[in-house]
Amino acid sequence: MKKLILFAFCALMSVCAFAQSKPSWEVQAGLNISKINSSLYSSKAGFHVGVRGQLDLPSLFDGAYANAGAFLSLKGASIDFGDLADGKSNAYYLEVPVHFGYKHTVNDQFALFGEFGPYFACGLFGKTSSNALDYDDNFDFVSESEKHDTFDEFKRFDFGLGFRLGVEFCQKFTFSIGYDFGLVNVWNKNWGESDIDVDDYDEVYLVDDVKNRNLTITLGYKF
Protein backbone atom coordinates (compact mmCIF):
# COMPACT_ATOMS: atom_id res chain seq x y z
CA MET A 1 0.00 0.00 0.00
CA LYS A 2 2.87 2.41 0.77
CA LYS A 3 4.36 1.78 -2.67
CA LEU A 4 0.96 2.39 -4.28
CA ILE A 5 0.53 5.70 -2.46
CA LEU A 6 4.08 6.77 -3.35
CA PHE A 7 3.54 5.89 -7.02
CA ALA A 8 0.23 7.80 -7.14
CA PHE A 9 1.86 10.83 -5.47
CA CYS A 10 4.80 10.84 -7.91
CA ALA A 11 2.44 10.47 -10.89
CA LEU A 12 0.31 13.38 -9.61
CA MET A 13 3.36 15.59 -9.10
CA SER A 14 4.62 14.77 -12.62
CA VAL A 15 1.27 15.64 -14.18
CA CYS A 16 1.07 18.88 -12.18
CA ALA A 17 4.60 19.89 -13.21
CA PHE A 18 3.78 19.12 -16.83
CA ALA A 19 0.53 21.10 -16.61
CA GLN A 20 2.40 24.22 -15.46
CA SER A 21 4.17 24.30 -18.84
CA LYS A 22 0.79 24.94 -20.54
CA PRO A 23 0.69 21.92 -22.87
CA SER A 24 -2.15 20.96 -25.19
CA TRP A 25 -4.42 18.18 -23.90
CA GLU A 26 -5.94 15.11 -25.49
CA VAL A 27 -8.43 12.58 -24.14
CA GLN A 28 -7.76 9.07 -25.45
CA ALA A 29 -9.39 5.64 -25.38
CA GLY A 30 -8.79 2.42 -27.21
CA LEU A 31 -8.18 -1.29 -27.42
CA ASN A 32 -5.45 -3.33 -25.74
CA ILE A 33 -4.33 -6.70 -27.05
CA SER A 34 -2.07 -7.87 -24.25
CA LYS A 35 -0.12 -10.98 -23.32
CA ILE A 36 2.93 -12.04 -21.38
CA ASN A 37 6.02 -13.54 -22.93
CA SER A 38 5.51 -17.06 -21.59
CA SER A 39 4.74 -19.90 -23.98
CA LEU A 40 1.90 -20.95 -21.68
CA TYR A 41 -0.12 -17.78 -22.22
CA SER A 42 -1.92 -16.25 -25.19
CA SER A 43 -3.26 -12.74 -25.78
CA LYS A 44 -6.51 -11.24 -24.53
CA ALA A 45 -8.45 -8.06 -25.27
CA GLY A 46 -8.64 -5.14 -22.87
CA PHE A 47 -8.93 -1.36 -23.00
CA HIS A 48 -7.22 1.86 -22.00
CA VAL A 49 -8.68 5.28 -21.27
CA GLY A 50 -7.07 8.47 -20.04
CA VAL A 51 -5.62 11.86 -20.82
CA ARG A 52 -2.33 12.95 -22.35
CA GLY A 53 -0.65 16.35 -22.35
CA GLN A 54 1.69 17.42 -25.16
CA LEU A 55 4.36 20.10 -25.09
CA ASP A 56 5.87 21.32 -28.37
CA LEU A 57 9.68 21.65 -28.40
CA PRO A 58 10.50 23.98 -31.33
CA SER A 59 13.83 24.87 -29.70
CA LEU A 60 15.04 21.35 -30.59
CA PHE A 61 13.69 21.24 -34.16
CA ASP A 62 10.43 21.85 -35.99
CA GLY A 63 7.88 19.17 -35.16
CA ALA A 64 9.59 17.94 -31.98
CA TYR A 65 7.41 17.41 -28.92
CA ALA A 66 7.17 15.61 -25.58
CA ASN A 67 4.08 14.21 -23.94
CA ALA A 68 3.00 12.46 -20.75
CA GLY A 69 -0.26 10.82 -19.81
CA ALA A 70 -2.20 8.97 -17.14
CA PHE A 71 -4.30 5.96 -18.14
CA LEU A 72 -6.45 3.24 -16.65
CA SER A 73 -5.34 0.19 -18.64
CA LEU A 74 -6.74 -3.36 -18.57
CA LYS A 75 -4.07 -5.92 -19.45
CA GLY A 76 -3.60 -9.61 -18.77
CA ALA A 77 -3.43 -12.90 -20.61
CA SER A 78 -5.33 -16.13 -21.17
CA ILE A 79 -4.39 -19.78 -21.01
CA ASP A 80 -6.01 -22.74 -22.76
CA PHE A 81 -5.15 -26.41 -22.42
CA GLY A 82 -8.24 -27.58 -24.30
CA ASP A 83 -10.50 -29.83 -22.22
CA LEU A 84 -7.95 -30.08 -19.41
CA ALA A 85 -7.82 -26.48 -18.21
CA ASP A 86 -8.35 -22.86 -19.14
CA GLY A 87 -8.01 -19.54 -17.42
CA LYS A 88 -7.93 -15.78 -17.77
CA SER A 89 -5.98 -13.11 -15.95
CA ASN A 90 -7.27 -9.50 -15.73
CA ALA A 91 -4.93 -6.79 -14.45
CA TYR A 92 -5.96 -3.14 -14.15
CA TYR A 93 -3.03 -0.71 -14.12
CA LEU A 94 -2.51 2.99 -13.57
CA GLU A 95 -0.09 3.64 -16.41
CA VAL A 96 2.04 6.75 -17.01
CA PRO A 97 3.78 6.95 -20.43
CA VAL A 98 6.39 9.63 -21.14
CA HIS A 99 7.19 9.94 -24.84
CA PHE A 100 9.28 12.10 -27.15
CA GLY A 101 8.18 12.42 -30.75
CA TYR A 102 8.08 14.14 -34.09
CA LYS A 103 5.03 15.42 -36.00
CA HIS A 104 5.15 16.10 -39.73
CA THR A 105 2.39 18.48 -40.78
CA VAL A 106 1.27 17.76 -44.34
CA ASN A 107 -1.36 20.53 -44.39
CA ASP A 108 -3.89 22.18 -42.06
CA GLN A 109 -6.07 19.06 -42.11
CA PHE A 110 -3.56 16.22 -41.89
CA ALA A 111 -0.36 15.32 -40.02
CA LEU A 112 1.74 12.23 -39.29
CA PHE A 113 3.47 11.55 -35.98
CA GLY A 114 5.71 9.02 -34.28
CA GLU A 115 6.90 8.83 -30.68
CA PHE A 116 8.90 6.65 -28.34
CA GLY A 117 9.67 6.49 -24.64
CA PRO A 118 9.25 4.72 -21.29
CA TYR A 119 6.12 3.86 -19.38
CA PHE A 120 5.63 3.32 -15.66
CA ALA A 121 2.73 1.24 -14.35
CA CYS A 122 1.25 0.27 -11.00
CA GLY A 123 -1.24 -2.57 -10.62
CA LEU A 124 -4.48 -1.43 -9.02
CA PHE A 125 -6.71 -4.51 -8.92
CA GLY A 126 -7.65 -7.59 -10.92
CA LYS A 127 -8.89 -11.16 -10.78
CA THR A 128 -7.54 -14.39 -12.23
CA SER A 129 -9.93 -17.28 -12.80
CA SER A 130 -9.25 -20.84 -13.89
CA ASN A 131 -11.10 -24.06 -14.59
CA ALA A 132 -9.47 -27.50 -14.58
CA LEU A 133 -10.43 -31.16 -14.68
CA ASP A 134 -9.68 -33.24 -11.59
CA TYR A 135 -10.68 -36.57 -10.02
CA ASP A 136 -13.14 -36.98 -7.18
CA ASP A 137 -13.02 -39.77 -4.57
CA ASN A 138 -14.72 -42.14 -7.04
CA PHE A 139 -12.11 -41.35 -9.72
CA ASP A 140 -14.71 -39.57 -11.84
CA PHE A 141 -13.78 -36.39 -13.72
CA VAL A 142 -14.99 -33.18 -12.07
CA SER A 143 -14.47 -29.57 -13.04
CA GLU A 144 -12.89 -27.34 -10.42
CA SER A 145 -12.94 -23.53 -10.53
CA GLU A 146 -10.62 -21.17 -8.70
CA LYS A 147 -10.26 -17.40 -8.42
CA HIS A 148 -7.61 -15.25 -6.81
CA ASP A 149 -6.22 -11.72 -6.85
CA THR A 150 -4.10 -11.24 -9.97
CA PHE A 151 -1.50 -9.34 -7.97
CA ASP A 152 -0.93 -12.30 -5.68
CA GLU A 153 0.42 -14.07 -8.75
CA PHE A 154 2.06 -11.04 -10.41
CA LYS A 155 4.01 -8.08 -9.06
CA ARG A 156 2.21 -4.75 -9.07
CA PHE A 157 4.96 -2.56 -10.50
CA ASP A 158 5.96 -2.58 -14.15
CA PHE A 159 8.25 -0.52 -16.35
CA GLY A 160 9.01 -0.70 -20.06
CA LEU A 161 9.45 1.03 -23.39
CA GLY A 162 6.82 1.83 -25.97
CA PHE A 163 6.26 3.50 -29.30
CA ARG A 164 3.27 4.95 -31.14
CA LEU A 165 2.66 5.81 -34.80
CA GLY A 166 -0.39 7.73 -35.93
CA VAL A 167 -2.22 10.36 -37.91
CA GLU A 168 -3.90 13.59 -36.91
CA PHE A 169 -6.98 15.02 -38.62
CA CYS A 170 -8.21 18.61 -38.55
CA GLN A 171 -5.81 19.37 -35.65
CA LYS A 172 -8.38 17.70 -33.36
CA PHE A 173 -8.66 13.95 -33.92
CA THR A 174 -5.95 11.29 -33.76
CA PHE A 175 -5.68 7.61 -34.61
CA SER A 176 -2.62 5.63 -33.56
CA ILE A 177 -1.18 2.14 -33.19
CA GLY A 178 1.46 1.40 -30.56
CA TYR A 179 3.29 -1.36 -28.77
CA ASP A 180 4.71 -1.59 -25.26
CA PHE A 181 7.55 -3.89 -24.23
CA GLY A 182 7.72 -4.61 -20.51
CA LEU A 183 11.25 -4.78 -19.11
CA VAL A 184 10.42 -5.96 -15.58
CA ASN A 185 9.91 -9.59 -14.59
CA VAL A 186 6.42 -9.33 -13.08
CA TRP A 187 6.14 -12.96 -12.00
CA ASN A 188 5.87 -13.49 -8.24
CA LYS A 189 7.88 -16.65 -7.68
CA ASN A 190 6.57 -17.03 -4.12
CA TRP A 191 3.03 -17.57 -5.41
CA GLY A 192 1.90 -21.18 -5.20
CA GLU A 193 5.18 -22.61 -3.95
CA SER A 194 3.54 -24.16 -0.92
CA ASP A 195 1.56 -26.51 -3.18
CA ILE A 196 4.44 -27.60 -5.41
CA ASP A 197 7.77 -29.28 -4.98
CA VAL A 198 10.17 -26.32 -5.16
CA ASP A 199 12.60 -28.30 -7.33
CA ASP A 200 9.87 -28.74 -9.96
CA TYR A 201 8.40 -25.22 -9.66
CA ASP A 202 9.88 -23.59 -12.76
CA GLU A 203 9.47 -26.79 -14.77
CA VAL A 204 5.75 -26.90 -14.01
CA TYR A 205 4.97 -23.26 -14.62
CA LEU A 206 7.53 -22.41 -17.30
CA VAL A 207 7.40 -18.78 -16.17
CA ASP A 208 10.92 -18.10 -15.01
CA ASP A 209 10.89 -14.62 -16.63
CA VAL A 210 7.52 -13.00 -17.33
CA LYS A 211 7.18 -9.60 -19.01
CA ASN A 212 4.16 -7.70 -20.27
CA ARG A 213 3.54 -7.11 -23.97
CA ASN A 214 0.73 -4.87 -25.22
CA LEU A 215 -0.54 -3.77 -28.63
CA THR A 216 -2.65 -0.61 -28.50
CA ILE A 217 -5.12 0.91 -30.97
CA THR A 218 -6.13 4.39 -29.86
CA LEU A 219 -8.53 7.17 -30.79
CA GLY A 220 -7.98 10.65 -29.41
CA TYR A 221 -9.63 14.07 -29.25
CA LYS A 222 -7.61 17.23 -28.61
CA PHE A 223 -9.07 20.11 -26.64
C-alpha atoms as a PDB file:
ATOM      1  CA  MET A   1       0.000   0.000   0.000  1.00  0.00           C
ATOM      2  CA  LYS A   2       2.867   2.411   0.775  1.00  0.00           C
ATOM      3  CA  LYS A   3       4.361   1.785  -2.672  1.00  0.00           C
ATOM      4  CA  LEU A   4       0.963   2.391  -4.284  1.00  0.00           C
ATOM      5  CA  ILE A   5       0.527   5.701  -2.455  1.00  0.00           C
ATOM      6  CA  LEU A   6       4.083   6.765  -3.355  1.00  0.00           C
ATOM      7  CA  PHE A   7       3.541   5.889  -7.023  1.00  0.00           C
ATOM      8  CA  ALA A   8       0.233   7.804  -7.142  1.00  0.00           C
ATOM      9  CA  PHE A   9       1.855  10.828  -5.468  1.00  0.00           C
ATOM     10  CA  CYS A  10       4.799  10.839  -7.912  1.00  0.00           C
ATOM     11  CA  ALA A  11       2.436  10.467 -10.886  1.00  0.00           C
ATOM     12  CA  LEU A  12       0.309  13.375  -9.613  1.00  0.00           C
ATOM     13  CA  MET A  13       3.358  15.585  -9.102  1.00  0.00           C
ATOM     14  CA  SER A  14       4.618  14.766 -12.619  1.00  0.00           C
ATOM     15  CA  VAL A  15       1.268  15.644 -14.184  1.00  0.00           C
ATOM     16  CA  CYS A  16       1.070  18.881 -12.176  1.00  0.00           C
ATOM     17  CA  ALA A  17       4.596  19.886 -13.210  1.00  0.00           C
ATOM     18  CA  PHE A  18       3.781  19.124 -16.831  1.00  0.00           C
ATOM     19  CA  ALA A  19       0.528  21.100 -16.612  1.00  0.00           C
ATOM     20  CA  GLN A  20       2.401  24.222 -15.456  1.00  0.00           C
ATOM     21  CA  SER A  21       4.171  24.297 -18.840  1.00  0.00           C
ATOM     22  CA  LYS A  22       0.791  24.939 -20.540  1.00  0.00           C
ATOM     23  CA  PRO A  23       0.687  21.917 -22.873  1.00  0.00           C
ATOM     24  CA  SER A  24      -2.149  20.960 -25.193  1.00  0.00           C
ATOM     25  CA  TRP A  25      -4.420  18.180 -23.905  1.00  0.00           C
ATOM     26  CA  GLU A  26      -5.942  15.105 -25.488  1.00  0.00           C
ATOM     27  CA  VAL A  27      -8.433  12.576 -24.137  1.00  0.00           C
ATOM     28  CA  GLN A  28      -7.757   9.066 -25.451  1.00  0.00           C
ATOM     29  CA  ALA A  29      -9.393   5.644 -25.384  1.00  0.00           C
ATOM     30  CA  GLY A  30      -8.787   2.425 -27.213  1.00  0.00           C
ATOM     31  CA  LEU A  31      -8.184  -1.295 -27.420  1.00  0.00           C
ATOM     32  CA  ASN A  32      -5.448  -3.334 -25.736  1.00  0.00           C
ATOM     33  CA  ILE A  33      -4.328  -6.704 -27.054  1.00  0.00           C
ATOM     34  CA  SER A  34      -2.074  -7.867 -24.252  1.00  0.00           C
ATOM     35  CA  LYS A  35      -0.117 -10.978 -23.320  1.00  0.00           C
ATOM     36  CA  ILE A  36       2.932 -12.039 -21.376  1.00  0.00           C
ATOM     37  CA  ASN A  37       6.019 -13.535 -22.930  1.00  0.00           C
ATOM     38  CA  SER A  38       5.514 -17.064 -21.591  1.00  0.00           C
ATOM     39  CA  SER A  39       4.743 -19.898 -23.978  1.00  0.00           C
ATOM     40  CA  LEU A  40       1.904 -20.947 -21.682  1.00  0.00           C
ATOM     41  CA  TYR A  41      -0.117 -17.784 -22.220  1.00  0.00           C
ATOM     42  CA  SER A  42      -1.920 -16.247 -25.185  1.00  0.00           C
ATOM     43  CA  SER A  43      -3.258 -12.743 -25.775  1.00  0.00           C
ATOM     44  CA  LYS A  44      -6.515 -11.238 -24.527  1.00  0.00           C
ATOM     45  CA  ALA A  45      -8.448  -8.064 -25.265  1.00  0.00           C
ATOM     46  CA  GLY A  46      -8.643  -5.144 -22.872  1.00  0.00           C
ATOM     47  CA  PHE A  47      -8.932  -1.360 -22.995  1.00  0.00           C
ATOM     48  CA  HIS A  48      -7.221   1.862 -21.999  1.00  0.00           C
ATOM     49  CA  VAL A  49      -8.682   5.285 -21.270  1.00  0.00           C
ATOM     50  CA  GLY A  50      -7.071   8.466 -20.040  1.00  0.00           C
ATOM     51  CA  VAL A  51      -5.624  11.864 -20.819  1.00  0.00           C
ATOM     52  CA  ARG A  52      -2.333  12.951 -22.353  1.00  0.00           C
ATOM     53  CA  GLY A  53      -0.651  16.352 -22.349  1.00  0.00           C
ATOM     54  CA  GLN A  54       1.687  17.423 -25.156  1.00  0.00           C
ATOM     55  CA  LEU A  55       4.359  20.099 -25.092  1.00  0.00           C
ATOM     56  CA  ASP A  56       5.871  21.323 -28.365  1.00  0.00           C
ATOM     57  CA  LEU A  57       9.677  21.649 -28.404  1.00  0.00           C
ATOM     58  CA  PRO A  58      10.498  23.978 -31.331  1.00  0.00           C
ATOM     59  CA  SER A  59      13.831  24.868 -29.698  1.00  0.00           C
ATOM     60  CA  LEU A  60      15.040  21.355 -30.591  1.00  0.00           C
ATOM     61  CA  PHE A  61      13.693  21.237 -34.158  1.00  0.00           C
ATOM     62  CA  ASP A  62      10.430  21.848 -35.992  1.00  0.00           C
ATOM     63  CA  GLY A  63       7.880  19.170 -35.163  1.00  0.00           C
ATOM     64  CA  ALA A  64       9.595  17.938 -31.981  1.00  0.00           C
ATOM     65  CA  TYR A  65       7.406  17.408 -28.919  1.00  0.00           C
ATOM     66  CA  ALA A  66       7.171  15.605 -25.576  1.00  0.00           C
ATOM     67  CA  ASN A  67       4.083  14.209 -23.935  1.00  0.00           C
ATOM     68  CA  ALA A  68       2.998  12.462 -20.755  1.00  0.00           C
ATOM     69  CA  GLY A  69      -0.259  10.817 -19.807  1.00  0.00           C
ATOM     70  CA  ALA A  70      -2.195   8.969 -17.143  1.00  0.00           C
ATOM     71  CA  PHE A  71      -4.302   5.956 -18.139  1.00  0.00           C
ATOM     72  CA  LEU A  72      -6.450   3.239 -16.654  1.00  0.00           C
ATOM     73  CA  SER A  73      -5.338   0.189 -18.640  1.00  0.00           C
ATOM     74  CA  LEU A  74      -6.736  -3.356 -18.571  1.00  0.00           C
ATOM     75  CA  LYS A  75      -4.071  -5.916 -19.455  1.00  0.00           C
ATOM     76  CA  GLY A  76      -3.599  -9.612 -18.768  1.00  0.00           C
ATOM     77  CA  ALA A  77      -3.430 -12.898 -20.607  1.00  0.00           C
ATOM     78  CA  SER A  78      -5.331 -16.128 -21.170  1.00  0.00           C
ATOM     79  CA  ILE A  79      -4.388 -19.781 -21.006  1.00  0.00           C
ATOM     80  CA  ASP A  80      -6.007 -22.743 -22.759  1.00  0.00           C
ATOM     81  CA  PHE A  81      -5.148 -26.414 -22.418  1.00  0.00           C
ATOM     82  CA  GLY A  82      -8.243 -27.581 -24.302  1.00  0.00           C
ATOM     83  CA  ASP A  83     -10.496 -29.829 -22.219  1.00  0.00           C
ATOM     84  CA  LEU A  84      -7.954 -30.080 -19.406  1.00  0.00           C
ATOM     85  CA  ALA A  85      -7.815 -26.480 -18.208  1.00  0.00           C
ATOM     86  CA  ASP A  86      -8.347 -22.858 -19.139  1.00  0.00           C
ATOM     87  CA  GLY A  87      -8.013 -19.545 -17.419  1.00  0.00           C
ATOM     88  CA  LYS A  88      -7.931 -15.778 -17.775  1.00  0.00           C
ATOM     89  CA  SER A  89      -5.980 -13.106 -15.947  1.00  0.00           C
ATOM     90  CA  ASN A  90      -7.266  -9.501 -15.734  1.00  0.00           C
ATOM     91  CA  ALA A  91      -4.930  -6.794 -14.453  1.00  0.00           C
ATOM     92  CA  TYR A  92      -5.959  -3.144 -14.149  1.00  0.00           C
ATOM     93  CA  TYR A  93      -3.030  -0.712 -14.120  1.00  0.00           C
ATOM     94  CA  LEU A  94      -2.508   2.990 -13.571  1.00  0.00           C
ATOM     95  CA  GLU A  95      -0.091   3.644 -16.411  1.00  0.00           C
ATOM     96  CA  VAL A  96       2.041   6.754 -17.014  1.00  0.00           C
ATOM     97  CA  PRO A  97       3.777   6.948 -20.432  1.00  0.00           C
ATOM     98  CA  VAL A  98       6.393   9.627 -21.136  1.00  0.00           C
ATOM     99  CA  HIS A  99       7.192   9.938 -24.841  1.00  0.00           C
ATOM    100  CA  PHE A 100       9.282  12.099 -27.145  1.00  0.00           C
ATOM    101  CA  GLY A 101       8.177  12.418 -30.746  1.00  0.00           C
ATOM    102  CA  TYR A 102       8.076  14.137 -34.090  1.00  0.00           C
ATOM    103  CA  LYS A 103       5.032  15.417 -35.998  1.00  0.00           C
ATOM    104  CA  HIS A 104       5.151  16.104 -39.727  1.00  0.00           C
ATOM    105  CA  THR A 105       2.392  18.484 -40.778  1.00  0.00           C
ATOM    106  CA  VAL A 106       1.268  17.758 -44.345  1.00  0.00           C
ATOM    107  CA  ASN A 107      -1.364  20.529 -44.393  1.00  0.00           C
ATOM    108  CA  ASP A 108      -3.887  22.181 -42.059  1.00  0.00           C
ATOM    109  CA  GLN A 109      -6.068  19.063 -42.114  1.00  0.00           C
ATOM    110  CA  PHE A 110      -3.557  16.220 -41.886  1.00  0.00           C
ATOM    111  CA  ALA A 111      -0.363  15.315 -40.017  1.00  0.00           C
ATOM    112  CA  LEU A 112       1.740  12.229 -39.293  1.00  0.00           C
ATOM    113  CA  PHE A 113       3.471  11.548 -35.979  1.00  0.00           C
ATOM    114  CA  GLY A 114       5.705   9.021 -34.280  1.00  0.00           C
ATOM    115  CA  GLU A 115       6.902   8.834 -30.685  1.00  0.00           C
ATOM    116  CA  PHE A 116       8.902   6.652 -28.339  1.00  0.00           C
ATOM    117  CA  GLY A 117       9.669   6.491 -24.636  1.00  0.00           C
ATOM    118  CA  PRO A 118       9.251   4.718 -21.295  1.00  0.00           C
ATOM    119  CA  TYR A 119       6.125   3.856 -19.378  1.00  0.00           C
ATOM    120  CA  PHE A 120       5.628   3.321 -15.660  1.00  0.00           C
ATOM    121  CA  ALA A 121       2.728   1.244 -14.350  1.00  0.00           C
ATOM    122  CA  CYS A 122       1.250   0.270 -11.002  1.00  0.00           C
ATOM    123  CA  GLY A 123      -1.243  -2.573 -10.624  1.00  0.00           C
ATOM    124  CA  LEU A 124      -4.481  -1.432  -9.019  1.00  0.00           C
ATOM    125  CA  PHE A 125      -6.707  -4.508  -8.925  1.00  0.00           C
ATOM    126  CA  GLY A 126      -7.646  -7.592 -10.920  1.00  0.00           C
ATOM    127  CA  LYS A 127      -8.889 -11.163 -10.778  1.00  0.00           C
ATOM    128  CA  THR A 128      -7.535 -14.389 -12.229  1.00  0.00           C
ATOM    129  CA  SER A 129      -9.932 -17.279 -12.799  1.00  0.00           C
ATOM    130  CA  SER A 130      -9.251 -20.836 -13.891  1.00  0.00           C
ATOM    131  CA  ASN A 131     -11.104 -24.064 -14.592  1.00  0.00           C
ATOM    132  CA  ALA A 132      -9.472 -27.498 -14.575  1.00  0.00           C
ATOM    133  CA  LEU A 133     -10.428 -31.160 -14.677  1.00  0.00           C
ATOM    134  CA  ASP A 134      -9.680 -33.242 -11.590  1.00  0.00           C
ATOM    135  CA  TYR A 135     -10.675 -36.566 -10.025  1.00  0.00           C
ATOM    136  CA  ASP A 136     -13.142 -36.984  -7.184  1.00  0.00           C
ATOM    137  CA  ASP A 137     -13.025 -39.774  -4.573  1.00  0.00           C
ATOM    138  CA  ASN A 138     -14.718 -42.143  -7.041  1.00  0.00           C
ATOM    139  CA  PHE A 139     -12.112 -41.349  -9.725  1.00  0.00           C
ATOM    140  CA  ASP A 140     -14.711 -39.567 -11.836  1.00  0.00           C
ATOM    141  CA  PHE A 141     -13.782 -36.394 -13.718  1.00  0.00           C
ATOM    142  CA  VAL A 142     -14.992 -33.183 -12.072  1.00  0.00           C
ATOM    143  CA  SER A 143     -14.469 -29.571 -13.041  1.00  0.00           C
ATOM    144  CA  GLU A 144     -12.891 -27.340 -10.417  1.00  0.00           C
ATOM    145  CA  SER A 145     -12.937 -23.534 -10.528  1.00  0.00           C
ATOM    146  CA  GLU A 146     -10.620 -21.170  -8.703  1.00  0.00           C
ATOM    147  CA  LYS A 147     -10.261 -17.397  -8.418  1.00  0.00           C
ATOM    148  CA  HIS A 148      -7.606 -15.249  -6.813  1.00  0.00           C
ATOM    149  CA  ASP A 149      -6.217 -11.724  -6.849  1.00  0.00           C
ATOM    150  CA  THR A 150      -4.097 -11.243  -9.970  1.00  0.00           C
ATOM    151  CA  PHE A 151      -1.503  -9.336  -7.966  1.00  0.00           C
ATOM    152  CA  ASP A 152      -0.933 -12.300  -5.684  1.00  0.00           C
ATOM    153  CA  GLU A 153       0.423 -14.074  -8.753  1.00  0.00           C
ATOM    154  CA  PHE A 154       2.064 -11.045 -10.414  1.00  0.00           C
ATOM    155  CA  LYS A 155       4.008  -8.082  -9.064  1.00  0.00           C
ATOM    156  CA  ARG A 156       2.214  -4.747  -9.074  1.00  0.00           C
ATOM    157  CA  PHE A 157       4.961  -2.558 -10.502  1.00  0.00           C
ATOM    158  CA  ASP A 158       5.959  -2.576 -14.152  1.00  0.00           C
ATOM    159  CA  PHE A 159       8.247  -0.521 -16.354  1.00  0.00           C
ATOM    160  CA  GLY A 160       9.011  -0.700 -20.061  1.00  0.00           C
ATOM    161  CA  LEU A 161       9.449   1.027 -23.390  1.00  0.00           C
ATOM    162  CA  GLY A 162       6.816   1.826 -25.969  1.00  0.00           C
ATOM    163  CA  PHE A 163       6.259   3.502 -29.304  1.00  0.00           C
ATOM    164  CA  ARG A 164       3.274   4.950 -31.137  1.00  0.00           C
ATOM    165  CA  LEU A 165       2.662   5.809 -34.799  1.00  0.00           C
ATOM    166  CA  GLY A 166      -0.386   7.730 -35.928  1.00  0.00           C
ATOM    167  CA  VAL A 167      -2.218  10.360 -37.910  1.00  0.00           C
ATOM    168  CA  GLU A 168      -3.904  13.594 -36.905  1.00  0.00           C
ATOM    169  CA  PHE A 169      -6.982  15.015 -38.620  1.00  0.00           C
ATOM    170  CA  CYS A 170      -8.210  18.611 -38.553  1.00  0.00           C
ATOM    171  CA  GLN A 171      -5.814  19.366 -35.652  1.00  0.00           C
ATOM    172  CA  LYS A 172      -8.382  17.705 -33.359  1.00  0.00           C
ATOM    173  CA  PHE A 173      -8.658  13.949 -33.922  1.00  0.00           C
ATOM    174  CA  THR A 174      -5.947  11.292 -33.760  1.00  0.00           C
ATOM    175  CA  PHE A 175      -5.681   7.608 -34.606  1.00  0.00           C
ATOM    176  CA  SER A 176      -2.621   5.630 -33.558  1.00  0.00           C
ATOM    177  CA  ILE A 177      -1.182   2.139 -33.185  1.00  0.00           C
ATOM    178  CA  GLY A 178       1.458   1.405 -30.559  1.00  0.00           C
ATOM    179  CA  TYR A 179       3.295  -1.359 -28.772  1.00  0.00           C
ATOM    180  CA  ASP A 180       4.710  -1.589 -25.255  1.00  0.00           C
ATOM    181  CA  PHE A 181       7.551  -3.894 -24.235  1.00  0.00           C
ATOM    182  CA  GLY A 182       7.717  -4.605 -20.506  1.00  0.00           C
ATOM    183  CA  LEU A 183      11.254  -4.783 -19.109  1.00  0.00           C
ATOM    184  CA  VAL A 184      10.422  -5.963 -15.583  1.00  0.00           C
ATOM    185  CA  ASN A 185       9.913  -9.591 -14.589  1.00  0.00           C
ATOM    186  CA  VAL A 186       6.419  -9.332 -13.076  1.00  0.00           C
ATOM    187  CA  TRP A 187       6.143 -12.960 -11.997  1.00  0.00           C
ATOM    188  CA  ASN A 188       5.872 -13.486  -8.239  1.00  0.00           C
ATOM    189  CA  LYS A 189       7.875 -16.652  -7.676  1.00  0.00           C
ATOM    190  CA  ASN A 190       6.567 -17.028  -4.120  1.00  0.00           C
ATOM    191  CA  TRP A 191       3.035 -17.565  -5.410  1.00  0.00           C
ATOM    192  CA  GLY A 192       1.901 -21.182  -5.201  1.00  0.00           C
ATOM    193  CA  GLU A 193       5.182 -22.615  -3.951  1.00  0.00           C
ATOM    194  CA  SER A 194       3.539 -24.159  -0.919  1.00  0.00           C
ATOM    195  CA  ASP A 195       1.558 -26.508  -3.179  1.00  0.00           C
ATOM    196  CA  ILE A 196       4.435 -27.602  -5.412  1.00  0.00           C
ATOM    197  CA  ASP A 197       7.772 -29.283  -4.975  1.00  0.00           C
ATOM    198  CA  VAL A 198      10.166 -26.316  -5.165  1.00  0.00           C
ATOM    199  CA  ASP A 199      12.598 -28.298  -7.333  1.00  0.00           C
ATOM    200  CA  ASP A 200       9.870 -28.739  -9.955  1.00  0.00           C
ATOM    201  CA  TYR A 201       8.403 -25.219  -9.662  1.00  0.00           C
ATOM    202  CA  ASP A 202       9.884 -23.587 -12.756  1.00  0.00           C
ATOM    203  CA  GLU A 203       9.472 -26.791 -14.769  1.00  0.00           C
ATOM    204  CA  VAL A 204       5.750 -26.901 -14.014  1.00  0.00           C
ATOM    205  CA  TYR A 205       4.973 -23.258 -14.616  1.00  0.00           C
ATOM    206  CA  LEU A 206       7.535 -22.414 -17.296  1.00  0.00           C
ATOM    207  CA  VAL A 207       7.403 -18.785 -16.172  1.00  0.00           C
ATOM    208  CA  ASP A 208      10.923 -18.098 -15.013  1.00  0.00           C
ATOM    209  CA  ASP A 209      10.891 -14.625 -16.633  1.00  0.00           C
ATOM    210  CA  VAL A 210       7.516 -12.998 -17.330  1.00  0.00           C
ATOM    211  CA  LYS A 211       7.184  -9.602 -19.007  1.00  0.00           C
ATOM    212  CA  ASN A 212       4.162  -7.699 -20.270  1.00  0.00           C
ATOM    213  CA  ARG A 213       3.538  -7.106 -23.966  1.00  0.00           C
ATOM    214  CA  ASN A 214       0.726  -4.873 -25.217  1.00  0.00           C
ATOM    215  CA  LEU A 215      -0.539  -3.771 -28.634  1.00  0.00           C
ATOM    216  CA  THR A 216      -2.647  -0.606 -28.504  1.00  0.00           C
ATOM    217  CA  ILE A 217      -5.120   0.911 -30.967  1.00  0.00           C
ATOM    218  CA  THR A 218      -6.125   4.392 -29.863  1.00  0.00           C
ATOM    219  CA  LEU A 219      -8.531   7.173 -30.794  1.00  0.00           C
ATOM    220  CA  GLY A 220      -7.981  10.654 -29.405  1.00  0.00           C
ATOM    221  CA  TYR A 221      -9.630  14.066 -29.246  1.00  0.00           C
ATOM    222  CA  LYS A 222      -7.609  17.233 -28.607  1.00  0.00           C
ATOM    223  CA  PHE A 223      -9.071  20.108 -26.639  1.00  0.00           C
END
